[in-house]
Protein backbone atom coordinates (compact mmCIF):
# COMPACT_ATOMS: atom_id res chain seq x y z
CA MET A 1 -28.56 7.73 6.44
CA THR A 2 -25.39 6.51 5.09
CA LYS A 3 -21.96 8.38 6.87
CA VAL A 4 -18.99 9.63 4.36
CA VAL A 5 -15.59 8.65 5.50
CA ILE A 6 -13.09 11.07 4.11
CA ASN A 7 -9.14 10.00 3.86
CA PRO A 8 -7.56 13.35 3.76
CA TYR A 9 -4.26 12.09 2.89
CA TYR A 10 -3.34 12.34 -0.46
CA GLU A 11 -0.66 10.00 -2.03
CA LEU A 12 2.72 11.28 -2.91
CA ARG A 13 5.19 8.41 -3.36
CA HIS A 14 5.59 4.86 -2.96
CA VAL A 15 8.77 3.08 -3.94
CA LYS A 16 10.69 0.77 -3.22
CA ILE A 17 14.31 0.56 -2.13
CA GLU A 18 16.88 -2.49 -3.06
CA PRO A 19 20.01 -1.95 -1.36
CA TYR A 20 20.95 -6.07 -1.34
CA THR A 21 21.28 -8.41 -3.76
CA THR A 22 19.46 -10.79 -1.40
CA GLU A 23 15.96 -11.65 -3.15
CA GLY A 24 13.22 -10.66 -0.88
CA HIS A 25 15.08 -8.32 1.24
CA TYR A 26 14.35 -4.54 0.50
CA PHE A 27 12.08 -1.52 1.72
CA THR A 28 9.64 0.70 1.36
CA LEU A 29 9.11 4.34 1.52
CA GLN A 30 5.22 5.73 1.21
CA THR A 31 4.36 9.51 1.80
CA TRP A 32 1.00 11.31 1.86
CA ASP A 33 0.12 15.37 1.77
CA THR A 34 -1.17 15.72 5.29
CA HIS A 35 -2.52 19.07 4.12
CA LYS A 36 -1.32 20.43 7.17
CA ARG A 37 1.20 23.90 6.59
CA ASP A 38 2.93 25.70 9.41
CA GLY A 39 2.30 29.45 10.03
CA GLY A 40 5.22 30.51 8.75
CA ALA A 41 5.92 32.92 5.99
CA PHE A 42 7.12 29.78 3.51
CA GLY A 43 4.09 27.59 4.62
CA ARG A 44 5.78 24.15 5.20
CA CYS A 45 4.18 21.42 4.15
CA TYR A 46 3.81 18.59 6.81
CA LEU A 47 3.93 15.10 5.34
CA ARG A 48 2.91 11.80 6.63
CA TYR A 49 5.65 8.78 5.82
CA GLU A 50 6.14 4.78 6.58
CA PHE A 51 9.45 3.04 5.79
CA LYS A 52 8.92 -0.18 5.95
CA GLU A 53 11.84 -3.22 6.00
CA PHE A 54 10.81 -6.89 3.80
CA TYR A 55 12.46 -9.77 4.30
CA ASN A 56 11.75 -13.87 3.96
CA GLY A 57 8.18 -12.33 2.90
CA GLN A 58 7.74 -10.81 6.53
CA GLN A 59 7.72 -6.92 7.24
CA ARG A 60 8.05 -4.56 9.70
CA LEU A 61 7.00 -1.38 9.91
CA LEU A 62 10.35 0.78 11.28
CA PHE A 63 9.05 4.74 11.39
CA GLU A 64 6.27 6.25 10.39
CA GLY A 65 5.03 9.50 11.07
CA GLU A 66 3.42 12.57 10.07
CA ASP A 67 6.33 15.02 11.41
CA PHE A 68 8.69 15.73 8.57
CA SER A 69 8.44 18.99 6.35
CA PRO A 70 11.14 19.06 3.49
CA SER A 71 12.96 22.83 1.77
CA PRO A 72 9.89 25.34 1.16
CA MET A 73 12.57 25.52 -2.04
CA THR A 74 11.81 21.21 -2.86
CA ALA A 75 8.51 19.71 -4.15
CA ILE A 76 6.89 17.31 -1.52
CA ASP A 77 6.51 14.57 -4.76
CA SER A 78 10.27 14.41 -6.00
CA ASP A 79 12.68 12.37 -5.14
CA ASP A 80 14.84 14.71 -3.32
CA ALA A 81 11.73 15.01 -1.11
CA LEU A 82 12.67 11.39 -0.35
CA ARG A 83 16.43 11.85 -0.23
CA CYS A 84 15.91 14.31 2.69
CA LEU A 85 13.81 12.56 4.07
CA LEU A 86 15.93 9.65 4.49
CA GLY A 87 18.73 11.53 5.59
CA PHE A 88 16.49 11.86 8.49
CA LEU A 89 15.52 8.33 8.89
CA THR A 90 18.94 6.55 8.34
CA LEU A 91 21.19 8.61 10.76
CA ARG A 92 23.25 6.12 12.99
CA PRO A 93 24.64 6.59 16.01
CA GLY A 94 27.66 8.52 15.96
CA ASP A 95 26.06 10.93 12.96
CA THR A 96 24.11 12.98 16.11
CA ASP A 97 23.31 13.65 19.46
CA GLU A 98 22.15 10.28 21.26
CA GLU A 99 19.88 11.77 23.05
CA TYR A 100 18.30 11.55 18.91
CA PHE A 101 17.93 7.86 19.51
CA GLU A 102 16.45 7.96 23.30
CA ASN A 103 12.47 6.32 22.08
CA TYR A 104 13.72 4.76 19.47
CA THR A 105 11.77 0.99 19.93
CA LYS A 106 14.31 -2.37 19.47
CA ASP A 107 14.08 -2.69 15.58
CA GLN A 108 14.78 0.95 15.20
CA MET A 109 18.09 0.71 16.82
CA ASP A 110 18.71 -2.49 14.79
CA PHE A 111 18.05 -0.69 11.87
CA ALA A 112 20.35 2.09 12.32
CA GLU A 113 22.97 -0.07 13.92
CA THR A 114 23.24 -2.33 10.76
CA ASP A 115 20.98 -1.22 7.04
CA ALA A 116 20.92 2.11 7.76
CA GLU A 117 24.30 2.99 6.58
CA GLU A 118 24.03 1.10 3.45
CA LEU A 119 20.79 2.91 2.69
CA GLN A 120 22.78 6.26 3.43
CA MET A 121 23.25 6.27 -0.27
CA TRP A 122 19.69 6.86 -1.61
CA SER A 123 19.74 10.26 0.44
CA ILE A 124 22.57 11.89 -0.98
CA GLU A 125 22.00 14.29 -3.96
CA PRO A 126 24.06 12.97 -6.89
CA ASP A 127 26.36 14.62 -8.65
CA ASP A 128 28.99 14.16 -11.67
CA GLU A 129 31.33 11.80 -8.74
CA MET A 130 27.92 9.11 -7.91
CA GLU A 131 25.51 8.13 -9.72
CA GLU A 132 22.28 8.63 -8.35
CA MET A 133 20.70 5.73 -6.06
CA PRO A 134 17.59 4.09 -8.06
CA PHE A 135 14.29 4.80 -6.13
CA ILE A 136 11.36 2.32 -8.32
CA ASN A 137 8.13 3.41 -8.16
CA LEU A 138 5.42 1.30 -7.09
CA ASP A 139 3.12 2.12 -9.17
CA ASP A 140 4.59 1.11 -11.51
CA TRP A 141 5.86 -2.25 -10.51
CA ASP A 142 3.52 -4.88 -11.05
CA ASP A 143 4.08 -7.39 -8.69
CA GLU A 144 0.43 -6.50 -6.68
CA GLU A 145 1.51 -9.37 -3.55
CA ALA A 146 4.53 -7.12 -2.87
CA ARG A 147 2.53 -3.82 -1.98
CA PRO A 148 2.64 -2.69 1.31
CA ASP A 149 -0.89 -3.06 3.45
CA MET A 150 -1.93 -0.33 3.30
CA SER A 151 -5.61 -1.21 5.57
CA HIS A 152 -4.18 -0.36 9.07
CA LEU A 153 -5.02 3.40 8.25
CA LYS A 154 -8.09 4.23 9.90
CA PRO A 155 -10.24 7.18 7.46
CA ARG A 156 -10.15 10.31 8.83
CA ARG A 157 -13.05 13.06 8.55
CA TRP A 158 -12.72 16.61 8.16
């Protein structure tokens, strides 16, 4: 008998962020619907996310989790949801309490102290005075070799 394994995550967005003109240095943010909701009146959705850095052919996973929940007024697959998530991922020392960074890894602190400031521009809601920072949808992108490897995700059974 063959075991059927179902991955319960539904991919929402997979985007590339290019803050620098340095060729080969960029970030990717990928989100999935976990199908988990809180018990509150609004039934907030929880998303799985992975945020990676790519540089000189190397990649490193900076952040991953299943603990992000955008506002109930925000579509979970929208640019607004990505901007909100980046607002948390790009916090820097001095932006919030020191305790927020207590469990950061060396790579995460390195990111917070260097690249996070530049990437905060992608977390800001555009207005009349500021141009929207573009998210490049990887699903629309032809370079398969640059697509992040997701083989480490373990399928789950419902």
